[in-house]
């Protein structure tokens, strides 16, 4: 299986309603894979959260959410590559 992350972007983000300095968001990730010689695209919405630290501006928070989602995609790819194809 050859899933490749080709695009990642922040879809939305919000301050957590109860937890101070917690920011939650949804990240849009686009992956491709080749199935029977045809490229297939998969669009995923990945929920993520980060803890805002002193000195972080909005851009830092956005980047942290996307990095967290990219790590989730990486774990997914790793687990799928360990699974035998059917």
PDB file of N, CA and C in Angstrom:
ATOM      1  N   UNK A   1       0.851  -1.171   0.000  1.00  0.00           N
ATOM      2  CA  UNK A   1       0.000   0.000   0.000  1.00  0.00           C
ATOM      3  C   UNK A   1       0.890   1.225   0.000  1.00  0.00           C
ATOM      4  N   UNK A   2       0.549   2.179  -0.820  1.00  0.00           N
ATOM      5  CA  UNK A   2       1.395   3.363  -0.942  1.00  0.00           C
ATOM      6  C   UNK A   2       0.583   4.641  -0.747  1.00  0.00           C
ATOM      7  N   UNK A   3       0.097   4.838   0.447  1.00  0.00           N
ATOM      8  CA  UNK A   3      -0.612   6.079   0.751  1.00  0.00           C
ATOM      9  C   UNK A   3       0.394   7.213   0.860  1.00  0.00           C
ATOM     10  N   UNK A   4       0.108   8.325   0.203  1.00  0.00           N
ATOM     11  CA  UNK A   4       0.977   9.501   0.275  1.00  0.00           C
ATOM     12  C   UNK A   4       0.146  10.716   0.665  1.00  0.00           C
ATOM     13  N   UNK A   5       0.628  11.453   1.633  1.00  0.00           N
ATOM     14  CA  UNK A   5      -0.016  12.700   2.048  1.00  0.00           C
ATOM     15  C   UNK A   5       0.389  13.775   1.055  1.00  0.00           C
ATOM     16  N   UNK A   6      -0.595  14.338   0.329  1.00  0.00           N
ATOM     17  CA  UNK A   6      -0.252  15.339  -0.677  1.00  0.00           C
ATOM     18  C   UNK A   6      -0.692  16.750  -0.297  1.00  0.00           C
ATOM     19  N   UNK A   7      -1.605  16.871   0.660  1.00  0.00           N
ATOM     20  CA  UNK A   7      -2.053  18.203   1.068  1.00  0.00           C
ATOM     21  C   UNK A   7      -2.585  18.129   2.487  1.00  0.00           C
ATOM     22  N   UNK A   8      -2.342  19.189   3.233  1.00  0.00           N
ATOM     23  CA  UNK A   8      -2.882  19.272   4.591  1.00  0.00           C
ATOM     24  C   UNK A   8      -3.181  20.743   4.864  1.00  0.00           C
ATOM     25  N   UNK A   9      -4.352  20.998   5.424  1.00  0.00           N
ATOM     26  CA  UNK A   9      -4.763  22.379   5.691  1.00  0.00           C
ATOM     27  C   UNK A   9      -5.717  22.402   6.878  1.00  0.00           C
ATOM     28  N   UNK A  10      -5.661  23.474   7.613  1.00  0.00           N
ATOM     29  CA  UNK A  10      -6.559  23.648   8.747  1.00  0.00           C
ATOM     30  C   UNK A  10      -7.953  23.992   8.235  1.00  0.00           C
ATOM     31  N   UNK A  11      -8.945  23.206   8.636  1.00  0.00           N
ATOM     32  CA  UNK A  11     -10.321  23.438   8.212  1.00  0.00           C
ATOM     33  C   UNK A  11     -11.057  24.354   9.198  1.00  0.00           C
ATOM     34  N   UNK A  12     -10.813  24.150  10.491  1.00  0.00           N
ATOM     35  CA  UNK A  12     -11.431  25.003  11.506  1.00  0.00           C
ATOM     36  C   UNK A  12     -10.676  24.853  12.818  1.00  0.00           C
ATOM     37  N   UNK A  13     -10.835  25.843  13.678  1.00  0.00           N
ATOM     38  CA  UNK A  13     -10.237  25.757  15.011  1.00  0.00           C
ATOM     39  C   UNK A  13     -11.034  26.612  15.979  1.00  0.00           C
ATOM     40  N   UNK A  14     -11.024  26.192  17.248  1.00  0.00           N
ATOM     41  CA  UNK A  14     -11.781  26.891  18.290  1.00  0.00           C
ATOM     42  C   UNK A  14     -11.042  26.752  19.607  1.00  0.00           C
ATOM     43  N   UNK A  15     -11.194  27.754  20.459  1.00  0.00           N
ATOM     44  CA  UNK A  15     -10.720  27.599  21.831  1.00  0.00           C
ATOM     45  C   UNK A  15     -11.646  26.600  22.523  1.00  0.00           C
ATOM     46  N   UNK A  16     -11.068  25.736  23.336  1.00  0.00           N
ATOM     47  CA  UNK A  16     -11.865  24.754  24.060  1.00  0.00           C
ATOM     48  C   UNK A  16     -12.791  25.492  25.021  1.00  0.00           C
ATOM     49  N   UNK A  17     -14.064  25.074  25.130  1.00  0.00           N
ATOM     50  CA  UNK A  17     -15.016  25.819  25.964  1.00  0.00           C
ATOM     51  C   UNK A  17     -14.714  25.765  27.468  1.00  0.00           C
ATOM     52  N   UNK A  18     -13.986  24.734  27.929  1.00  0.00           N
ATOM     53  CA  UNK A  18     -13.750  24.610  29.368  1.00  0.00           C
ATOM     54  C   UNK A  18     -12.274  24.551  29.764  1.00  0.00           C
ATOM     55  N   UNK A  19     -11.427  24.035  28.910  1.00  0.00           N
ATOM     56  CA  UNK A  19     -10.023  23.864  29.265  1.00  0.00           C
ATOM     57  C   UNK A  19      -9.198  25.075  28.810  1.00  0.00           C
ATOM     58  N   UNK A  20      -8.590  25.726  29.761  1.00  0.00           N
ATOM     59  CA  UNK A  20      -7.816  26.935  29.470  1.00  0.00           C
ATOM     60  C   UNK A  20      -6.608  26.594  28.597  1.00  0.00           C
ATOM     61  N   UNK A  21      -6.369  27.445  27.597  1.00  0.00           N
ATOM     62  CA  UNK A  21      -5.245  27.328  26.659  1.00  0.00           C
ATOM     63  C   UNK A  21      -5.304  26.094  25.759  1.00  0.00           C
ATOM     64  N   UNK A  22      -6.410  25.376  25.728  1.00  0.00           N
ATOM     65  CA  UNK A  22      -6.578  24.229  24.835  1.00  0.00           C
ATOM     66  C   UNK A  22      -7.269  24.728  23.575  1.00  0.00           C
ATOM     67  N   UNK A  23      -6.726  24.364  22.428  1.00  0.00           N
ATOM     68  CA  UNK A  23      -7.317  24.730  21.144  1.00  0.00           C
ATOM     69  C   UNK A  23      -7.639  23.433  20.412  1.00  0.00           C
ATOM     70  N   UNK A  24      -8.874  23.318  19.944  1.00  0.00           N
ATOM     71  CA  UNK A  24      -9.284  22.147  19.178  1.00  0.00           C
ATOM     72  C   UNK A  24      -9.499  22.567  17.730  1.00  0.00           C
ATOM     73  N   UNK A  25      -9.371  21.625  16.840  1.00  0.00           N
ATOM     74  CA  UNK A  25      -9.564  21.958  15.436  1.00  0.00           C
ATOM     75  C   UNK A  25      -9.800  20.722  14.599  1.00  0.00           C
ATOM     76  N   UNK A  26     -10.066  20.981  13.340  1.00  0.00           N
ATOM     77  CA  UNK A  26     -10.217  19.920  12.349  1.00  0.00           C
ATOM     78  C   UNK A  26      -9.273  20.243  11.200  1.00  0.00           C
ATOM     79  N   UNK A  27      -8.518  19.238  10.811  1.00  0.00           N
ATOM     80  CA  UNK A  27      -7.526  19.396   9.756  1.00  0.00           C
ATOM     81  C   UNK A  27      -7.937  18.536   8.576  1.00  0.00           C
ATOM     82  N   UNK A  28      -7.894  19.121   7.387  1.00  0.00           N
ATOM     83  CA  UNK A  28      -8.232  18.401   6.157  1.00  0.00           C
ATOM     84  C   UNK A  28      -6.936  17.840   5.574  1.00  0.00           C
ATOM     85  N   UNK A  29      -6.885  16.537   5.391  1.00  0.00           N
ATOM     86  CA  UNK A  29      -5.715  15.879   4.804  1.00  0.00           C
ATOM     87  C   UNK A  29      -6.147  15.162   3.531  1.00  0.00           C
ATOM     88  N   UNK A  30      -5.357  15.321   2.478  1.00  0.00           N
ATOM     89  CA  UNK A  30      -5.628  14.637   1.220  1.00  0.00           C
ATOM     90  C   UNK A  30      -4.507  13.632   0.990  1.00  0.00           C
ATOM     91  N   UNK A  31      -4.909  12.371   0.800  1.00  0.00           N
ATOM     92  CA  UNK A  31      -3.950  11.306   0.549  1.00  0.00           C
ATOM     93  C   UNK A  31      -4.244  10.693  -0.816  1.00  0.00           C
ATOM     94  N   UNK A  32      -3.199  10.147  -1.425  1.00  0.00           N
ATOM     95  CA  UNK A  32      -3.387   9.417  -2.670  1.00  0.00           C
ATOM     96  C   UNK A  32      -2.814   8.019  -2.503  1.00  0.00           C
ATOM     97  N   UNK A  33      -3.349   7.110  -3.284  1.00  0.00           N
ATOM     98  CA  UNK A  33      -2.792   5.762  -3.368  1.00  0.00           C
ATOM     99  C   UNK A  33      -3.072   5.245  -4.765  1.00  0.00           C
ATOM    100  N   UNK A  34      -2.274   4.293  -5.194  1.00  0.00           N
ATOM    101  CA  UNK A  34      -2.449   3.676  -6.501  1.00  0.00           C
ATOM    102  C   UNK A  34      -3.130   2.329  -6.296  1.00  0.00           C
ATOM    103  N   UNK A  35      -4.296   2.168  -6.916  1.00  0.00           N
ATOM    104  CA  UNK A  35      -5.047   0.914  -6.864  1.00  0.00           C
ATOM    105  C   UNK A  35      -5.281   0.465  -8.297  1.00  0.00           C
ATOM    106  N   UNK A  36      -4.759  -0.699  -8.638  1.00  0.00           N
ATOM    107  CA  UNK A  36      -4.885  -1.245  -9.998  1.00  0.00           C
ATOM    108  C   UNK A  36      -4.438  -0.238 -11.059  1.00  0.00           C
ATOM    109  N   UNK A  37      -3.351   0.464 -10.771  1.00  0.00           N
ATOM    110  CA  UNK A  37      -2.800   1.423 -11.733  1.00  0.00           C
ATOM    111  C   UNK A  37      -3.511   2.762 -11.781  1.00  0.00           C
ATOM    112  N   UNK A  38      -4.536   2.930 -10.993  1.00  0.00           N
ATOM    113  CA  UNK A  38      -5.303   4.178 -10.979  1.00  0.00           C
ATOM    114  C   UNK A  38      -5.040   4.937  -9.680  1.00  0.00           C
ATOM    115  N   UNK A  39      -4.827   6.238  -9.802  1.00  0.00           N
ATOM    116  CA  UNK A  39      -4.635   7.043  -8.597  1.00  0.00           C
ATOM    117  C   UNK A  39      -5.990   7.319  -7.943  1.00  0.00           C
ATOM    118  N   UNK A  40      -6.072   7.025  -6.661  1.00  0.00           N
ATOM    119  CA  UNK A  40      -7.277   7.290  -5.876  1.00  0.00           C
ATOM    120  C   UNK A  40      -6.949   8.357  -4.845  1.00  0.00           C
ATOM    121  N   UNK A  41      -7.817   9.330  -4.692  1.00  0.00           N
ATOM    122  CA  UNK A  41      -7.634  10.378  -3.682  1.00  0.00           C
ATOM    123  C   UNK A  41      -8.596  10.150  -2.534  1.00  0.00           C
ATOM    124  N   UNK A  42      -8.086  10.377  -1.344  1.00  0.00           N
ATOM    125  CA  UNK A  42      -8.887  10.233  -0.138  1.00  0.00           C
ATOM    126  C   UNK A  42      -8.781  11.530   0.649  1.00  0.00           C
ATOM    127  N   UNK A  43      -9.913  12.108   0.976  1.00  0.00           N
ATOM    128  CA  UNK A  43      -9.945  13.331   1.762  1.00  0.00           C
ATOM    129  C   UNK A  43     -10.425  12.981   3.170  1.00  0.00           C
ATOM    130  N   UNK A  44      -9.605  13.288   4.158  1.00  0.00           N
ATOM    131  CA  UNK A  44      -9.930  12.982   5.546  1.00  0.00           C
ATOM    132  C   UNK A  44     -10.054  14.270   6.350  1.00  0.00           C
ATOM    133  N   UNK A  45     -10.951  14.283   7.302  1.00  0.00           N
ATOM    134  CA  UNK A  45     -11.036  15.362   8.280  1.00  0.00           C
ATOM    135  C   UNK A  45     -10.587  14.769   9.604  1.00  0.00           C
ATOM    136  N   UNK A  46      -9.512  15.318  10.143  1.00  0.00           N
ATOM    137  CA  UNK A  46      -8.890  14.761  11.340  1.00  0.00           C
ATOM    138  C   UNK A  46      -9.057  15.736  12.502  1.00  0.00           C
ATOM    139  N   UNK A  47      -9.730  15.323  13.567  1.00  0.00           N
ATOM    140  CA  UNK A  47      -9.818  16.185  14.743  1.00  0.00           C
ATOM    141  C   UNK A  47      -8.483  16.180  15.484  1.00  0.00           C
ATOM    142  N   UNK A  48      -8.080  17.338  15.968  1.00  0.00           N
ATOM    143  CA  UNK A  48      -6.816  17.451  16.706  1.00  0.00           C
ATOM    144  C   UNK A  48      -6.953  18.534  17.762  1.00  0.00           C
ATOM    145  N   UNK A  49      -6.057  18.492  18.738  1.00  0.00           N
ATOM    146  CA  UNK A  49      -6.025  19.537  19.757  1.00  0.00           C
ATOM    147  C   UNK A  49      -4.579  19.802  20.131  1.00  0.00           C
ATOM    148  N   UNK A  50      -4.330  21.030  20.588  1.00  0.00           N
ATOM    149  CA  UNK A  50      -3.009  21.407  21.089  1.00  0.00           C
ATOM    150  C   UNK A  50      -3.192  22.287  22.316  1.00  0.00           C
ATOM    151  N   UNK A  51      -2.167  22.298  23.127  1.00  0.00           N
ATOM    152  CA  UNK A  51      -2.144  23.165  24.299  1.00  0.00           C
ATOM    153  C   UNK A  51      -1.375  24.429  23.912  1.00  0.00           C
ATOM    154  N   UNK A  52      -2.025  25.580  23.980  1.00  0.00           N
ATOM    155  CA  UNK A  52      -1.361  26.844  23.640  1.00  0.00           C
ATOM    156  C   UNK A  52      -0.360  27.172  24.743  1.00  0.00           C
ATOM    157  N   UNK A  53       0.871  27.458  24.325  1.00  0.00           N
ATOM    158  CA  UNK A  53       1.922  27.811  25.269  1.00  0.00           C
ATOM    159  C   UNK A  53       2.234  29.301  25.151  1.00  0.00           C
ATOM    160  N   UNK A  54       2.899  29.845  26.174  1.00  0.00           N
ATOM    161  CA  UNK A  54       3.276  31.257  26.155  1.00  0.00           C
ATOM    162  C   UNK A  54       4.083  31.552  24.899  1.00  0.00           C
ATOM    163  N   UNK A  55       3.774  32.655  24.256  1.00  0.00           N
ATOM    164  CA  UNK A  55       4.510  33.083  23.076  1.00  0.00           C
ATOM    165  C   UNK A  55       3.985  32.534  21.764  1.00  0.00           C
ATOM    166  N   UNK A  56       3.007  31.623  21.813  1.00  0.00           N
ATOM    167  CA  UNK A  56       2.452  31.077  20.571  1.00  0.00           C
ATOM    168  C   UNK A  56       1.447  32.058  19.985  1.00  0.00           C
ATOM    169  N   UNK A  57       1.635  32.417  18.717  1.00  0.00           N
ATOM    170  CA  UNK A  57       0.635  33.242  18.046  1.00  0.00           C
ATOM    171  C   UNK A  57      -0.312  32.324  17.269  1.00  0.00           C
ATOM    172  N   UNK A  58      -1.275  32.912  16.572  1.00  0.00           N
ATOM    173  CA  UNK A  58      -2.267  32.100  15.864  1.00  0.00           C
ATOM    174  C   UNK A  58      -1.623  31.196  14.814  1.00  0.00           C
ATOM    175  N   UNK A  59      -0.603  31.694  14.129  1.00  0.00           N
ATOM    176  CA  UNK A  59       0.086  30.880  13.129  1.00  0.00           C
ATOM    177  C   UNK A  59       0.763  29.669  13.744  1.00  0.00           C
ATOM    178  N   UNK A  60       1.341  29.848  14.930  1.00  0.00           N
ATOM    179  CA  UNK A  60       1.973  28.728  15.631  1.00  0.00           C
ATOM    180  C   UNK A  60       0.944  27.668  16.016  1.00  0.00           C
ATOM    181  N   UNK A  61      -0.217  28.113  16.461  1.00  0.00           N
ATOM    182  CA  UNK A  61      -1.285  27.185  16.844  1.00  0.00           C
ATOM    183  C   UNK A  61      -1.773  26.423  15.609  1.00  0.00           C
ATOM    184  N   UNK A  62      -1.988  27.136  14.504  1.00  0.00           N
ATOM    185  CA  UNK A  62      -2.427  26.477  13.266  1.00  0.00           C
ATOM    186  C   UNK A  62      -1.418  25.417  12.835  1.00  0.00           C
ATOM    187  N   UNK A  63      -0.144  25.776  12.856  1.00  0.00           N
ATOM    188  CA  UNK A  63       0.903  24.843  12.462  1.00  0.00           C
ATOM    189  C   UNK A  63       0.943  23.637  13.402  1.00  0.00           C
ATOM    190  N   UNK A  64       0.810  23.874  14.696  1.00  0.00           N
ATOM    191  CA  UNK A  64       0.832  22.778  15.668  1.00  0.00           C
ATOM    192  C   UNK A  64      -0.324  21.810  15.425  1.00  0.00           C
ATOM    193  N   UNK A  65      -1.502  22.318  15.091  1.00  0.00           N
ATOM    194  CA  UNK A  65      -2.649  21.451  14.788  1.00  0.00           C
ATOM    195  C   UNK A  65      -2.378  20.612  13.543  1.00  0.00           C
ATOM    196  N   UNK A  66      -1.790  21.228  12.512  1.00  0.00           N
ATOM    197  CA  UNK A  66      -1.499  20.484  11.286  1.00  0.00           C
ATOM    198  C   UNK A  66      -0.404  19.441  11.510  1.00  0.00           C
ATOM    199  N   UNK A  67       0.598  19.772  12.313  1.00  0.00           N
ATOM    200  CA  UNK A  67       1.658  18.805  12.620  1.00  0.00           C
ATOM    201  C   UNK A  67       1.077  17.617  13.384  1.00  0.00           C
ATOM    202  N   UNK A  68       0.198  17.901  14.332  1.00  0.00           N
ATOM    203  CA  UNK A  68      -0.421  16.813  15.103  1.00  0.00           C
ATOM    204  C   UNK A  68      -1.234  15.903  14.177  1.00  0.00           C
ATOM    205  N   UNK A  69      -1.991  16.508  13.254  1.00  0.00           N
ATOM    206  CA  UNK A  69      -2.780  15.708  12.309  1.00  0.00           C
ATOM    207  C   UNK A  69      -1.860  14.912  11.383  1.00  0.00           C
ATOM    208  N   UNK A  70      -0.750  15.496  10.956  1.00  0.00           N
ATOM    209  CA  UNK A  70       0.201  14.781  10.092  1.00  0.00           C
ATOM    210  C   UNK A  70       0.777  13.569  10.828  1.00  0.00           C
ATOM    211  N   UNK A  71       1.021  13.696  12.123  1.00  0.00           N
ATOM    212  CA  UNK A  71       1.517  12.564  12.911  1.00  0.00           C
ATOM    213  C   UNK A  71       0.457  11.466  12.989  1.00  0.00           C
ATOM    214  N   UNK A  72      -0.811  11.848  13.107  1.00  0.00           N
ATOM    215  CA  UNK A  72      -1.907  10.874  13.125  1.00  0.00           C
ATOM    216  C   UNK A  72      -1.941  10.132  11.786  1.00  0.00           C
ATOM    217  N   UNK A  73      -1.813  10.862  10.683  1.00  0.00           N
ATOM    218  CA  UNK A  73      -1.786  10.234   9.360  1.00  0.00           C
ATOM    219  C   UNK A  73      -0.594   9.288   9.254  1.00  0.00           C
ATOM    220  N   UNK A  74       0.558   9.696   9.782  1.00  0.00           N
ATOM    221  CA  UNK A  74       1.741   8.840   9.766  1.00  0.00           C
ATOM    222  C   UNK A  74       1.514   7.534  10.515  1.00  0.00           C
ATOM    223  N   UNK A  75       0.856   7.610  11.667  1.00  0.00           N
ATOM    224  CA  UNK A  75       0.551   6.388  12.424  1.00  0.00           C
ATOM    225  C   UNK A  75      -0.419   5.498  11.641  1.00  0.00           C
ATOM    226  N   UNK A  76      -1.395   6.116  10.996  1.00  0.00           N
ATOM    227  CA  UNK A  76      -2.354   5.372  10.183  1.00  0.00           C
ATOM    228  C   UNK A  76      -1.636   4.648   9.045  1.00  0.00           C
ATOM    229  N   UNK A  77      -0.760   5.361   8.337  1.00  0.00           N
ATOM    230  CA  UNK A  77      -0.006   4.751   7.240  1.00  0.00           C
ATOM    231  C   UNK A  77       0.842   3.588   7.751  1.00  0.00           C
ATOM    232  N   UNK A  78       1.475   3.772   8.890  1.00  0.00           N
ATOM    233  CA  UNK A  78       2.314   2.722   9.463  1.00  0.00           C
ATOM    234  C   UNK A  78       1.511   1.478   9.801  1.00  0.00           C
ATOM    235  N   UNK A  79       0.366   1.676  10.418  1.00  0.00           N
ATOM    236  CA  UNK A  79      -0.478   0.530  10.788  1.00  0.00           C
ATOM    237  C   UNK A  79      -1.042  -0.170   9.561  1.00  0.00           C
ATOM    238  N   UNK A  80      -1.406   0.608   8.551  1.00  0.00           N
ATOM    239  CA  UNK A  80      -1.947  -0.014   7.341  1.00  0.00           C
ATOM    240  C   UNK A  80      -0.872  -0.771   6.575  1.00  0.00           C
ATOM    241  N   UNK A  81       0.363  -0.293   6.623  1.00  0.00           N
ATOM    242  CA  UNK A  81       1.436  -0.993   5.911  1.00  0.00           C
ATOM    243  C   UNK A  81       1.794  -2.304   6.597  1.00  0.00           C
ATOM    244  N   UNK A  82       1.487  -2.423   7.889  1.00  0.00           N
ATOM    245  CA  UNK A  82       1.745  -3.666   8.632  1.00  0.00           C
ATOM    246  C   UNK A  82       0.639  -4.690   8.421  1.00  0.00           C
ATOM    247  N   UNK A  83      -0.504  -4.254   7.870  1.00  0.00           N
ATOM    248  CA  UNK A  83      -1.655  -5.130   7.681  1.00  0.00           C
ATOM    249  C   UNK A  83      -1.562  -5.801   6.313  1.00  0.00           C
ATOM    250  N   UNK A  84      -1.720  -7.138   6.246  1.00  0.00           N
ATOM    251  CA  UNK A  84      -1.694  -7.812   4.942  1.00  0.00           C
ATOM    252  C   UNK A  84      -2.843  -7.349   4.060  1.00  0.00           C
ATOM    253  N   UNK A  85      -2.584  -7.186   2.774  1.00  0.00           N
ATOM    254  CA  UNK A  85      -3.636  -6.778   1.811  1.00  0.00           C
ATOM    255  C   UNK A  85      -4.589  -7.923   1.574  1.00  0.00           C
ATOM    256  N   UNK A  86      -5.850  -7.579   1.289  1.00  0.00           N
ATOM    257  CA  UNK A  86      -6.841  -8.621   0.984  1.00  0.00           C
ATOM    258  C   UNK A  86      -7.269  -8.519  -0.447  1.00  0.00           C
TER     259      UNK A  86
END
